[in-house]
Amino acid sequence: MSHQFKLISDKEVYFTEKELFAFLLEKIHATSQEKDELKRSEEYTKNIFELLNNEIIANANFNQLFTLFFLSGFYYANFLSKNEVQIIEKNEEE
Protein backbone atom coordinates (compact mmCIF):
# COMPACT_ATOMS: atom_id res chain seq x y z
CA MET A 1 0.00 0.00 0.00
CA SER A 2 1.41 3.37 -1.00
CA HIS A 3 1.20 6.38 1.31
CA GLN A 4 1.13 10.02 0.34
CA PHE A 5 3.59 12.32 2.10
CA LYS A 6 3.40 16.09 1.83
CA LEU A 7 6.80 17.71 2.23
CA ILE A 8 7.55 21.15 3.67
CA SER A 9 8.01 22.41 0.11
CA ASP A 10 4.37 21.37 -0.60
CA LYS A 11 5.66 18.66 -2.92
CA GLU A 12 3.77 15.39 -2.63
CA VAL A 13 5.59 12.07 -2.83
CA TYR A 14 4.34 8.51 -2.65
CA PHE A 15 6.11 5.63 -0.91
CA THR A 16 5.16 2.28 0.47
CA GLU A 17 6.21 1.87 4.09
CA LYS A 18 8.93 -0.55 3.00
CA GLU A 19 10.30 1.93 0.41
CA LEU A 20 10.36 4.72 2.99
CA PHE A 21 12.22 2.56 5.52
CA ALA A 22 14.69 1.49 2.83
CA PHE A 23 15.32 5.15 1.99
CA LEU A 24 15.78 6.10 5.65
CA LEU A 25 18.10 3.17 6.35
CA GLU A 26 20.21 4.11 3.35
CA LYS A 27 20.56 7.67 4.71
CA ILE A 28 21.42 6.38 8.18
CA HIS A 29 24.04 4.03 6.78
CA ALA A 30 25.58 6.80 4.68
CA THR A 31 26.04 9.08 7.70
CA SER A 32 26.62 6.49 10.44
CA GLN A 33 30.40 6.59 10.23
CA GLU A 34 30.55 10.18 11.48
CA LYS A 35 27.94 10.11 14.23
CA ASP A 36 29.16 9.45 17.78
CA GLU A 37 25.69 8.31 18.87
CA LEU A 38 25.73 5.47 16.37
CA LYS A 39 29.32 4.55 17.20
CA ARG A 40 28.32 4.23 20.85
CA SER A 41 25.13 2.25 20.21
CA GLU A 42 26.63 -0.91 21.72
CA GLU A 43 27.24 0.98 24.97
CA TYR A 44 23.67 2.32 24.91
CA THR A 45 22.28 -1.17 24.32
CA LYS A 46 24.28 -2.56 27.26
CA ASN A 47 23.03 0.21 29.55
CA ILE A 48 19.39 -0.36 28.59
CA PHE A 49 19.73 -4.13 29.13
CA GLU A 50 21.15 -3.52 32.62
CA LEU A 51 18.14 -1.37 33.47
CA LEU A 52 15.53 -3.87 32.26
CA ASN A 53 13.93 -6.13 34.79
CA ASN A 54 14.80 -9.83 34.26
CA GLU A 55 11.08 -10.67 34.17
CA ILE A 56 10.57 -8.27 31.26
CA ILE A 57 13.47 -9.82 29.35
CA ALA A 58 12.24 -13.36 30.04
CA ASN A 59 8.66 -12.68 28.96
CA ALA A 60 9.16 -10.30 26.04
CA ASN A 61 9.39 -11.45 22.47
CA PHE A 62 11.91 -10.06 19.99
CA ASN A 63 9.55 -7.39 18.63
CA GLN A 64 8.72 -6.14 22.12
CA LEU A 65 12.40 -5.91 23.06
CA PHE A 66 13.19 -4.19 19.78
CA THR A 67 10.39 -1.69 20.44
CA LEU A 68 11.76 -0.98 23.94
CA PHE A 69 15.22 -0.30 22.54
CA PHE A 70 13.94 1.74 19.62
CA LEU A 71 11.72 3.93 21.79
CA SER A 72 14.50 4.39 24.34
CA GLY A 73 16.78 5.64 21.58
CA PHE A 74 14.05 7.78 20.05
CA TYR A 75 13.23 9.52 23.33
CA TYR A 76 16.92 9.85 24.17
CA ALA A 77 17.54 11.61 20.85
CA ASN A 78 14.50 13.85 21.38
CA PHE A 79 15.65 14.73 24.88
CA LEU A 80 19.10 15.72 23.59
CA SER A 81 17.81 17.79 20.69
CA LYS A 82 14.90 19.55 22.42
CA ASN A 83 16.94 20.47 25.48
CA GLU A 84 20.05 21.48 23.54
CA VAL A 85 22.13 19.16 25.70
CA GLN A 86 25.89 19.42 25.50
CA ILE A 87 27.60 16.16 26.42
CA ILE A 88 30.84 16.65 28.33
CA GLU A 89 33.06 13.59 28.40
CA LYS A 90 34.28 12.75 31.90
CA ASN A 91 36.96 10.25 32.83
CA GLU A 92 35.66 7.65 35.28
CA GLU A 93 38.94 7.84 37.19
CA GLU A 94 38.28 11.40 38.33
PDB file of N, CA and C in Angstrom:
ATOM      1  N   MET A   1       0.847  -1.176   0.000  1.00  0.00           N
ATOM      2  CA  MET A   1       0.000   0.000   0.000  1.00  0.00           C
ATOM      3  C   MET A   1       0.892   1.240   0.000  1.00  0.00           C
ATOM      4  N   SER A   2       0.629   2.151  -0.890  1.00  0.00           N
ATOM      5  CA  SER A   2       1.410   3.370  -1.005  1.00  0.00           C
ATOM      6  C   SER A   2       0.795   4.466  -0.149  1.00  0.00           C
ATOM      7  N   HIS A   3       1.663   5.269   0.469  1.00  0.00           N
ATOM      8  CA  HIS A   3       1.202   6.379   1.306  1.00  0.00           C
ATOM      9  C   HIS A   3       1.632   7.691   0.679  1.00  0.00           C
ATOM     10  N   GLN A   4       0.811   8.695   0.853  1.00  0.00           N
ATOM     11  CA  GLN A   4       1.126  10.021   0.340  1.00  0.00           C
ATOM     12  C   GLN A   4       1.772  10.827   1.456  1.00  0.00           C
ATOM     13  N   PHE A   5       2.893  11.467   1.142  1.00  0.00           N
ATOM     14  CA  PHE A   5       3.587  12.318   2.099  1.00  0.00           C
ATOM     15  C   PHE A   5       3.680  13.712   1.506  1.00  0.00           C
ATOM     16  N   LYS A   6       3.284  14.711   2.274  1.00  0.00           N
ATOM     17  CA  LYS A   6       3.399  16.094   1.830  1.00  0.00           C
ATOM     18  C   LYS A   6       4.619  16.700   2.503  1.00  0.00           C
ATOM     19  N   LEU A   7       5.562  17.155   1.715  1.00  0.00           N
ATOM     20  CA  LEU A   7       6.802  17.707   2.231  1.00  0.00           C
ATOM     21  C   LEU A   7       6.629  19.180   2.575  1.00  0.00           C
ATOM     22  N   ILE A   8       7.586  19.730   3.286  1.00  0.00           N
ATOM     23  CA  ILE A   8       7.554  21.147   3.667  1.00  0.00           C
ATOM     24  C   ILE A   8       7.428  22.037   2.432  1.00  0.00           C
ATOM     25  N   SER A   9       8.039  21.628   1.348  1.00  0.00           N
ATOM     26  CA  SER A   9       8.012  22.408   0.111  1.00  0.00           C
ATOM     27  C   SER A   9       6.681  22.269  -0.632  1.00  0.00           C
ATOM     28  N   ASP A  10       5.683  21.651  -0.022  1.00  0.00           N
ATOM     29  CA  ASP A  10       4.366  21.373  -0.602  1.00  0.00           C
ATOM     30  C   ASP A  10       4.412  20.359  -1.733  1.00  0.00           C
ATOM     31  N   LYS A  11       5.553  19.729  -1.931  1.00  0.00           N
ATOM     32  CA  LYS A  11       5.660  18.658  -2.920  1.00  0.00           C
ATOM     33  C   LYS A  11       5.076  17.390  -2.309  1.00  0.00           C
ATOM     34  N   GLU A  12       4.341  16.641  -3.111  1.00  0.00           N
ATOM     35  CA  GLU A  12       3.770  15.393  -2.626  1.00  0.00           C
ATOM     36  C   GLU A  12       4.543  14.228  -3.228  1.00  0.00           C
ATOM     37  N   VAL A  13       4.887  13.267  -2.386  1.00  0.00           N
ATOM     38  CA  VAL A  13       5.588  12.065  -2.834  1.00  0.00           C
ATOM     39  C   VAL A  13       4.821  10.850  -2.328  1.00  0.00           C
ATOM     40  N   TYR A  14       5.023   9.736  -3.000  1.00  0.00           N
ATOM     41  CA  TYR A  14       4.335   8.509  -2.646  1.00  0.00           C
ATOM     42  C   TYR A  14       5.362   7.409  -2.404  1.00  0.00           C
ATOM     43  N   PHE A  15       5.239   6.739  -1.275  1.00  0.00           N
ATOM     44  CA  PHE A  15       6.106   5.630  -0.908  1.00  0.00           C
ATOM     45  C   PHE A  15       5.265   4.549  -0.263  1.00  0.00           C
ATOM     46  N   THR A  16       5.686   3.318  -0.414  1.00  0.00           N
ATOM     47  CA  THR A  16       5.157   2.281   0.471  1.00  0.00           C
ATOM     48  C   THR A  16       5.949   2.404   1.762  1.00  0.00           C
ATOM     49  N   GLU A  17       5.469   1.814   2.823  1.00  0.00           N
ATOM     50  CA  GLU A  17       6.214   1.866   4.086  1.00  0.00           C
ATOM     51  C   GLU A  17       7.596   1.248   3.916  1.00  0.00           C
ATOM     52  N   LYS A  18       7.663   0.137   3.192  1.00  0.00           N
ATOM     53  CA  LYS A  18       8.934  -0.549   2.996  1.00  0.00           C
ATOM     54  C   LYS A  18       9.910   0.333   2.219  1.00  0.00           C
ATOM     55  N   GLU A  19       9.439   1.038   1.189  1.00  0.00           N
ATOM     56  CA  GLU A  19      10.302   1.934   0.410  1.00  0.00           C
ATOM     57  C   GLU A  19      10.815   3.087   1.268  1.00  0.00           C
ATOM     58  N   LEU A  20       9.946   3.617   2.118  1.00  0.00           N
ATOM     59  CA  LEU A  20      10.356   4.720   2.991  1.00  0.00           C
ATOM     60  C   LEU A  20      11.411   4.256   3.986  1.00  0.00           C
ATOM     61  N   PHE A  21      11.216   3.084   4.594  1.00  0.00           N
ATOM     62  CA  PHE A  21      12.223   2.563   5.521  1.00  0.00           C
ATOM     63  C   PHE A  21      13.544   2.277   4.814  1.00  0.00           C
ATOM     64  N   ALA A  22      13.470   1.747   3.604  1.00  0.00           N
ATOM     65  CA  ALA A  22      14.694   1.493   2.834  1.00  0.00           C
ATOM     66  C   ALA A  22      15.436   2.795   2.575  1.00  0.00           C
ATOM     67  N   PHE A  23      14.718   3.841   2.224  1.00  0.00           N
ATOM     68  CA  PHE A  23      15.321   5.154   1.988  1.00  0.00           C
ATOM     69  C   PHE A  23      15.970   5.690   3.262  1.00  0.00           C
ATOM     70  N   LEU A  24      15.252   5.601   4.374  1.00  0.00           N
ATOM     71  CA  LEU A  24      15.779   6.104   5.646  1.00  0.00           C
ATOM     72  C   LEU A  24      17.000   5.317   6.097  1.00  0.00           C
ATOM     73  N   LEU A  25      16.954   3.987   5.966  1.00  0.00           N
ATOM     74  CA  LEU A  25      18.104   3.168   6.354  1.00  0.00           C
ATOM     75  C   LEU A  25      19.324   3.471   5.492  1.00  0.00           C
ATOM     76  N   GLU A  26      19.098   3.753   4.227  1.00  0.00           N
ATOM     77  CA  GLU A  26      20.212   4.114   3.348  1.00  0.00           C
ATOM     78  C   GLU A  26      20.858   5.420   3.809  1.00  0.00           C
ATOM     79  N   LYS A  27      20.035   6.396   4.207  1.00  0.00           N
ATOM     80  CA  LYS A  27      20.555   7.675   4.706  1.00  0.00           C
ATOM     81  C   LYS A  27      21.292   7.488   6.028  1.00  0.00           C
ATOM     82  N   ILE A  28      20.760   6.655   6.895  1.00  0.00           N
ATOM     83  CA  ILE A  28      21.416   6.385   8.178  1.00  0.00           C
ATOM     84  C   ILE A  28      22.763   5.727   7.944  1.00  0.00           C
ATOM     85  N   HIS A  29      22.794   4.735   7.075  1.00  0.00           N
ATOM     86  CA  HIS A  29      24.043   4.028   6.785  1.00  0.00           C
ATOM     87  C   HIS A  29      25.087   4.978   6.197  1.00  0.00           C
ATOM     88  N   ALA A  30      24.653   5.880   5.335  1.00  0.00           N
ATOM     89  CA  ALA A  30      25.583   6.800   4.678  1.00  0.00           C
ATOM     90  C   ALA A  30      26.220   7.766   5.670  1.00  0.00           C
ATOM     91  N   THR A  31      25.511   8.102   6.739  1.00  0.00           N
ATOM     92  CA  THR A  31      26.036   9.075   7.699  1.00  0.00           C
ATOM     93  C   THR A  31      26.494   8.442   9.006  1.00  0.00           C
ATOM     94  N   SER A  32      26.350   7.125   9.149  1.00  0.00           N
ATOM     95  CA  SER A  32      26.624   6.492  10.443  1.00  0.00           C
ATOM     96  C   SER A  32      28.083   6.537  10.847  1.00  0.00           C
ATOM     97  N   GLN A  33      28.983   6.621   9.903  1.00  0.00           N
ATOM     98  CA  GLN A  33      30.403   6.594  10.233  1.00  0.00           C
ATOM     99  C   GLN A  33      30.839   7.838  10.999  1.00  0.00           C
ATOM    100  N   GLU A  34      30.127   8.936  10.846  1.00  0.00           N
ATOM    101  CA  GLU A  34      30.554  10.180  11.478  1.00  0.00           C
ATOM    102  C   GLU A  34      29.752  10.555  12.724  1.00  0.00           C
ATOM    103  N   LYS A  35      28.774   9.768  13.088  1.00  0.00           N
ATOM    104  CA  LYS A  35      27.940  10.109  14.235  1.00  0.00           C
ATOM    105  C   LYS A  35      28.369   9.343  15.474  1.00  0.00           C
ATOM    106  N   ASP A  36      28.739  10.078  16.526  1.00  0.00           N
ATOM    107  CA  ASP A  36      29.158   9.446  17.776  1.00  0.00           C
ATOM    108  C   ASP A  36      28.061   8.599  18.395  1.00  0.00           C
ATOM    109  N   GLU A  37      26.789   9.058  18.272  1.00  0.00           N
ATOM    110  CA  GLU A  37      25.688   8.314  18.873  1.00  0.00           C
ATOM    111  C   GLU A  37      25.592   6.913  18.288  1.00  0.00           C
ATOM    112  N   LEU A  38      25.801   6.784  16.992  1.00  0.00           N
ATOM    113  CA  LEU A  38      25.733   5.465  16.367  1.00  0.00           C
ATOM    114  C   LEU A  38      26.958   4.640  16.698  1.00  0.00           C
ATOM    115  N   LYS A  39      28.104   5.282  16.830  1.00  0.00           N
ATOM    116  CA  LYS A  39      29.316   4.552  17.199  1.00  0.00           C
ATOM    117  C   LYS A  39      29.191   3.979  18.608  1.00  0.00           C
ATOM    118  N   ARG A  40      28.447   4.668  19.456  1.00  0.00           N
ATOM    119  CA  ARG A  40      28.321   4.231  20.845  1.00  0.00           C
ATOM    120  C   ARG A  40      27.062   3.418  21.099  1.00  0.00           C
ATOM    121  N   SER A  41      26.402   2.957  20.038  1.00  0.00           N
ATOM    122  CA  SER A  41      25.133   2.250  20.208  1.00  0.00           C
ATOM    123  C   SER A  41      25.276   0.969  21.027  1.00  0.00           C
ATOM    124  N   GLU A  42      26.421   0.304  20.926  1.00  0.00           N
ATOM    125  CA  GLU A  42      26.627  -0.914  21.719  1.00  0.00           C
ATOM    126  C   GLU A  42      26.631  -0.583  23.208  1.00  0.00           C
ATOM    127  N   GLU A  43      27.237   0.531  23.567  1.00  0.00           N
ATOM    128  CA  GLU A  43      27.236   0.975  24.971  1.00  0.00           C
ATOM    129  C   GLU A  43      25.814   1.307  25.425  1.00  0.00           C
ATOM    130  N   TYR A  44      25.055   1.987  24.562  1.00  0.00           N
ATOM    131  CA  TYR A  44      23.669   2.322  24.906  1.00  0.00           C
ATOM    132  C   TYR A  44      22.847   1.053  25.114  1.00  0.00           C
ATOM    133  N   THR A  45      23.022   0.086  24.219  1.00  0.00           N
ATOM    134  CA  THR A  45      22.280  -1.170  24.317  1.00  0.00           C
ATOM    135  C   THR A  45      22.595  -1.878  25.631  1.00  0.00           C
ATOM    136  N   LYS A  46      23.865  -1.919  25.998  1.00  0.00           N
ATOM    137  CA  LYS A  46      24.280  -2.560  27.255  1.00  0.00           C
ATOM    138  C   LYS A  46      23.632  -1.856  28.445  1.00  0.00           C
ATOM    139  N   ASN A  47      23.625  -0.543  28.441  1.00  0.00           N
ATOM    140  CA  ASN A  47      23.029   0.211  29.551  1.00  0.00           C
ATOM    141  C   ASN A  47      21.538  -0.054  29.676  1.00  0.00           C
ATOM    142  N   ILE A  48      20.832  -0.104  28.547  1.00  0.00           N
ATOM    143  CA  ILE A  48      19.393  -0.362  28.589  1.00  0.00           C
ATOM    144  C   ILE A  48      19.129  -1.762  29.123  1.00  0.00           C
ATOM    145  N   PHE A  49      19.900  -2.760  28.649  1.00  0.00           N
ATOM    146  CA  PHE A  49      19.728  -4.133  29.132  1.00  0.00           C
ATOM    147  C   PHE A  49      19.919  -4.216  30.637  1.00  0.00           C
ATOM    148  N   GLU A  50      20.902  -3.496  31.178  1.00  0.00           N
ATOM    149  CA  GLU A  50      21.155  -3.525  32.618  1.00  0.00           C
ATOM    150  C   GLU A  50      19.990  -2.930  33.409  1.00  0.00           C
ATOM    151  N   LEU A  51      19.251  -2.020  32.780  1.00  0.00           N
ATOM    152  CA  LEU A  51      18.136  -1.374  33.466  1.00  0.00           C
ATOM    153  C   LEU A  51      16.824  -2.161  33.378  1.00  0.00           C
ATOM    154  N   LEU A  52      16.758  -3.090  32.425  1.00  0.00           N
ATOM    155  CA  LEU A  52      15.530  -3.874  32.261  1.00  0.00           C
ATOM    156  C   LEU A  52      15.426  -4.947  33.332  1.00  0.00           C
ATOM    157  N   ASN A  53      14.248  -5.106  33.823  1.00  0.00           N
ATOM    158  CA  ASN A  53      13.926  -6.132  34.793  1.00  0.00           C
ATOM    159  C   ASN A  53      14.060  -7.500  34.126  1.00  0.00           C
ATOM    160  N   ASN A  54      14.635  -8.477  34.818  1.00  0.00           N
ATOM    161  CA  ASN A  54      14.795  -9.826  34.264  1.00  0.00           C
ATOM    162  C   ASN A  54      13.477 -10.439  33.827  1.00  0.00           C
ATOM    163  N   GLU A  55      12.399 -10.133  34.533  1.00  0.00           N
ATOM    164  CA  GLU A  55      11.080 -10.667  34.171  1.00  0.00           C
ATOM    165  C   GLU A  55      10.635 -10.131  32.810  1.00  0.00           C
ATOM    166  N   ILE A  56      10.920  -8.862  32.556  1.00  0.00           N
ATOM    167  CA  ILE A  56      10.571  -8.275  31.260  1.00  0.00           C
ATOM    168  C   ILE A  56      11.336  -8.978  30.149  1.00  0.00           C
ATOM    169  N   ILE A  57      12.637  -9.163  30.362  1.00  0.00           N
ATOM    170  CA  ILE A  57      13.472  -9.818  29.351  1.00  0.00           C
ATOM    171  C   ILE A  57      12.996 -11.250  29.108  1.00  0.00           C
ATOM    172  N   ALA A  58      12.648 -11.957  30.160  1.00  0.00           N
ATOM    173  CA  ALA A  58      12.241 -13.357  30.036  1.00  0.00           C
ATOM    174  C   ALA A  58      10.903 -13.509  29.324  1.00  0.00           C
ATOM    175  N   ASN A  59      10.010 -12.549  29.504  1.00  0.00           N
ATOM    176  CA  ASN A  59       8.659 -12.682  28.959  1.00  0.00           C
ATOM    177  C   ASN A  59       8.421 -11.928  27.657  1.00  0.00           C
ATOM    178  N   ALA A  60       9.357 -11.102  27.250  1.00  0.00           N
ATOM    179  CA  ALA A  60       9.160 -10.298  26.045  1.00  0.00           C
ATOM    180  C   ALA A  60       9.631 -11.054  24.809  1.00  0.00           C
ATOM    181  N   ASN A  61       8.919 -10.862  23.716  1.00  0.00           N
ATOM    182  CA  ASN A  61       9.385 -11.450  22.468  1.00  0.00           C
ATOM    183  C   ASN A  61      10.345 -10.470  21.780  1.00  0.00           C
ATOM    184  N   PHE A  62      10.918 -10.887  20.682  1.00  0.00           N
ATOM    185  CA  PHE A  62      11.908 -10.059  19.988  1.00  0.00           C
ATOM    186  C   PHE A  62      11.348  -8.693  19.603  1.00  0.00           C
ATOM    187  N   ASN A  63      10.144  -8.667  19.057  1.00  0.00           N
ATOM    188  CA  ASN A  63       9.551  -7.392  18.627  1.00  0.00           C
ATOM    189  C   ASN A  63       9.327  -6.448  19.801  1.00  0.00           C
ATOM    190  N   GLN A  64       8.917  -6.984  20.937  1.00  0.00           N
ATOM    191  CA  GLN A  64       8.716  -6.142  22.118  1.00  0.00           C
ATOM    192  C   GLN A  64      10.042  -5.572  22.618  1.00  0.00           C
ATOM    193  N   LEU A  65      11.083  -6.406  22.648  1.00  0.00           N
ATOM    194  CA  LEU A  65      12.404  -5.913  23.059  1.00  0.00           C
ATOM    195  C   LEU A  65      12.918  -4.873  22.073  1.00  0.00           C
ATOM    196  N   PHE A  66      12.762  -5.147  20.794  1.00  0.00           N
ATOM    197  CA  PHE A  66      13.190  -4.194  19.777  1.00  0.00           C
ATOM    198  C   PHE A  66      12.469  -2.864  19.960  1.00  0.00           C
ATOM    199  N   THR A  67      11.171  -2.911  20.226  1.00  0.00           N
ATOM    200  CA  THR A  67      10.392  -1.688  20.442  1.00  0.00           C
ATOM    201  C   THR A  67      10.898  -0.927  21.655  1.00  0.00           C
ATOM    202  N   LEU A  68      11.213  -1.636  22.746  1.00  0.00           N
ATOM    203  CA  LEU A  68      11.761  -0.976  23.940  1.00  0.00           C
ATOM    204  C   LEU A  68      13.061  -0.242  23.622  1.00  0.00           C
ATOM    205  N   PHE A  69      13.947  -0.911  22.890  1.00  0.00           N
ATOM    206  CA  PHE A  69      15.225  -0.301  22.543  1.00  0.00           C
ATOM    207  C   PHE A  69      15.036   0.864  21.576  1.00  0.00           C
ATOM    208  N   PHE A  70      14.186   0.681  20.590  1.00  0.00           N
ATOM    209  CA  PHE A  70      13.935   1.738  19.621  1.00  0.00           C
ATOM    210  C   PHE A  70      13.363   2.976  20.296  1.00  0.00           C
ATOM    211  N   LEU A  71      12.342   2.779  21.121  1.00  0.00           N
ATOM    212  CA  LEU A  71      11.724   3.926  21.789  1.00  0.00           C
ATOM    213  C   LEU A  71      12.680   4.593  22.774  1.00  0.00           C
ATOM    214  N   SER A  72      13.501   3.799  23.442  1.00  0.00           N
ATOM    215  CA  SER A  72      14.502   4.390  24.339  1.00  0.00           C
ATOM    216  C   SER A  72      15.439   5.300  23.552  1.00  0.00           C
ATOM    217  N   GLY A  73      15.908   4.828  22.419  1.00  0.00           N
ATOM    218  CA  GLY A  73      16.784   5.642  21.579  1.00  0.00           C
ATOM    219  C   GLY A  73      16.083   6.849  21.016  1.00  0.00           C
ATOM    220  N   PHE A  74      14.840   6.679  20.608  1.00  0.00           N
ATOM    221  CA  PHE A  74      14.048   7.780  20.049  1.00  0.00           C
ATOM    222  C   PHE A  74      13.861   8.889  21.087  1.00  0.00           C
ATOM    223  N   TYR A  75      13.446   8.510  22.290  1.00  0.00           N
ATOM    224  CA  TYR A  75      13.226   9.516  23.333  1.00  0.00           C
ATOM    225  C   TYR A  75      14.541  10.120  23.825  1.00  0.00           C
ATOM    226  N   TYR A  76      15.593   9.336  23.818  1.00  0.00           N
ATOM    227  CA  TYR A  76      16.922   9.852  24.170  1.00  0.00           C
ATOM    228  C   TYR A  76      17.341  10.929  23.174  1.00  0.00           C
ATOM    229  N   ALA A  77      17.183  10.644  21.894  1.00  0.00           N
ATOM    230  CA  ALA A  77      17.541  11.612  20.853  1.00  0.00           C
ATOM    231  C   ALA A  77      16.674  12.864  20.955  1.00  0.00           C
ATOM    232  N   ASN A  78      15.381  12.684  21.211  1.00  0.00           N
ATOM    233  CA  ASN A  78      14.495  13.848  21.381  1.00  0.00           C
ATOM    234  C   ASN A  78      14.902  14.688  22.586  1.00  0.00           C
ATOM    235  N   PHE A  79      15.221  14.019  23.687  1.00  0.00           N
ATOM    236  CA  PHE A  79      15.652  14.731  24.882  1.00  0.00           C
ATOM    237  C   PHE A  79      16.890  15.585  24.588  1.00  0.00           C
ATOM    238  N   LEU A  80      17.868  14.991  23.900  1.00  0.00           N
ATOM    239  CA  LEU A  80      19.095  15.715  23.585  1.00  0.00           C
ATOM    240  C   LEU A  80      18.838  16.898  22.676  1.00  0.00           C
ATOM    241  N   SER A  81      18.021  16.705  21.654  1.00  0.00           N
ATOM    242  CA  SER A  81      17.814  17.792  20.690  1.00  0.00           C
ATOM    243  C   SER A  81      16.902  18.885  21.230  1.00  0.00           C
ATOM    244  N   LYS A  82      15.847  18.538  21.938  1.00  0.00           N
ATOM    245  CA  LYS A  82      14.896  19.550  22.423  1.00  0.00           C
ATOM    246  C   LYS A  82      15.442  20.350  23.598  1.00  0.00           C
ATOM    247  N   ASN A  83      16.384  19.773  24.328  1.00  0.00           N
ATOM    248  CA  ASN A  83      16.942  20.470  25.481  1.00  0.00           C
ATOM    249  C   ASN A  83      18.325  21.052  25.199  1.00  0.00           C
ATOM    250  N   GLU A  84      18.744  20.962  23.961  1.00  0.00           N
ATOM    251  CA  GLU A  84      20.045  21.484  23.542  1.00  0.00           C
ATOM    252  C   GLU A  84      21.151  21.037  24.502  1.00  0.00           C
ATOM    253  N   VAL A  85      21.182  19.747  24.764  1.00  0.00           N
ATOM    254  CA  VAL A  85      22.133  19.156  25.702  1.00  0.00           C
ATOM    255  C   VAL A  85      23.526  19.151  25.097  1.00  0.00           C
ATOM    256  N   GLN A  86      24.488  19.517  25.906  1.00  0.00           N
ATOM    257  CA  GLN A  86      25.889  19.418  25.502  1.00  0.00           C
ATOM    258  C   GLN A  86      26.515  18.327  26.352  1.00  0.00           C
ATOM    259  N   ILE A  87      27.007  17.279  25.691  1.00  0.00           N
ATOM    260  CA  ILE A  87      27.602  16.156  26.422  1.00  0.00           C
ATOM    261  C   ILE A  87      29.064  16.464  26.675  1.00  0.00           C
ATOM    262  N   ILE A  88      29.449  16.411  27.936  1.00  0.00           N
ATOM    263  CA  ILE A  88      30.840  16.652  28.327  1.00  0.00           C
ATOM    264  C   ILE A  88      31.404  15.318  28.780  1.00  0.00           C
ATOM    265  N   GLU A  89      32.430  14.867  28.068  1.00  0.00           N
ATOM    266  CA  GLU A  89      33.058  13.590  28.398  1.00  0.00           C
ATOM    267  C   GLU A  89      33.784  13.731  29.730  1.00  0.00           C
ATOM    268  N   LYS A  90      33.641  12.732  30.589  1.00  0.00           N
ATOM    269  CA  LYS A  90      34.277  12.753  31.905  1.00  0.00           C
ATOM    270  C   LYS A  90      34.982  11.436  32.114  1.00  0.00           C
ATOM    271  N   ASN A  91      36.213  11.465  32.518  1.00  0.00           N
ATOM    272  CA  ASN A  91      36.956  10.245  32.826  1.00  0.00           C
ATOM    273  C   ASN A  91      36.387   9.633  34.092  1.00  0.00           C
ATOM    274  N   GLU A  92      36.204   8.317  34.109  1.00  0.00           N
ATOM    275  CA  GLU A  92      35.659   7.649  35.282  1.00  0.00           C
ATOM    276  C   GLU A  92      36.641   7.617  36.436  1.00  0.00           C
ATOM    277  N   GLU A  93      37.923   7.848  36.145  1.00  0.00           N
ATOM    278  CA  GLU A  93      38.939   7.835  37.192  1.00  0.00           C
ATOM    279  C   GLU A  93      38.875   9.065  38.081  1.00  0.00           C
ATOM    280  N   GLU A  94      38.317  10.150  37.561  1.00  0.00           N
ATOM    281  CA  GLU A  94      38.279  11.403  38.331  1.00  0.00           C
ATOM    282  C   GLU A  94      37.265  11.369  39.444  1.00  0.00           C
TER     283      GLU A  94
END
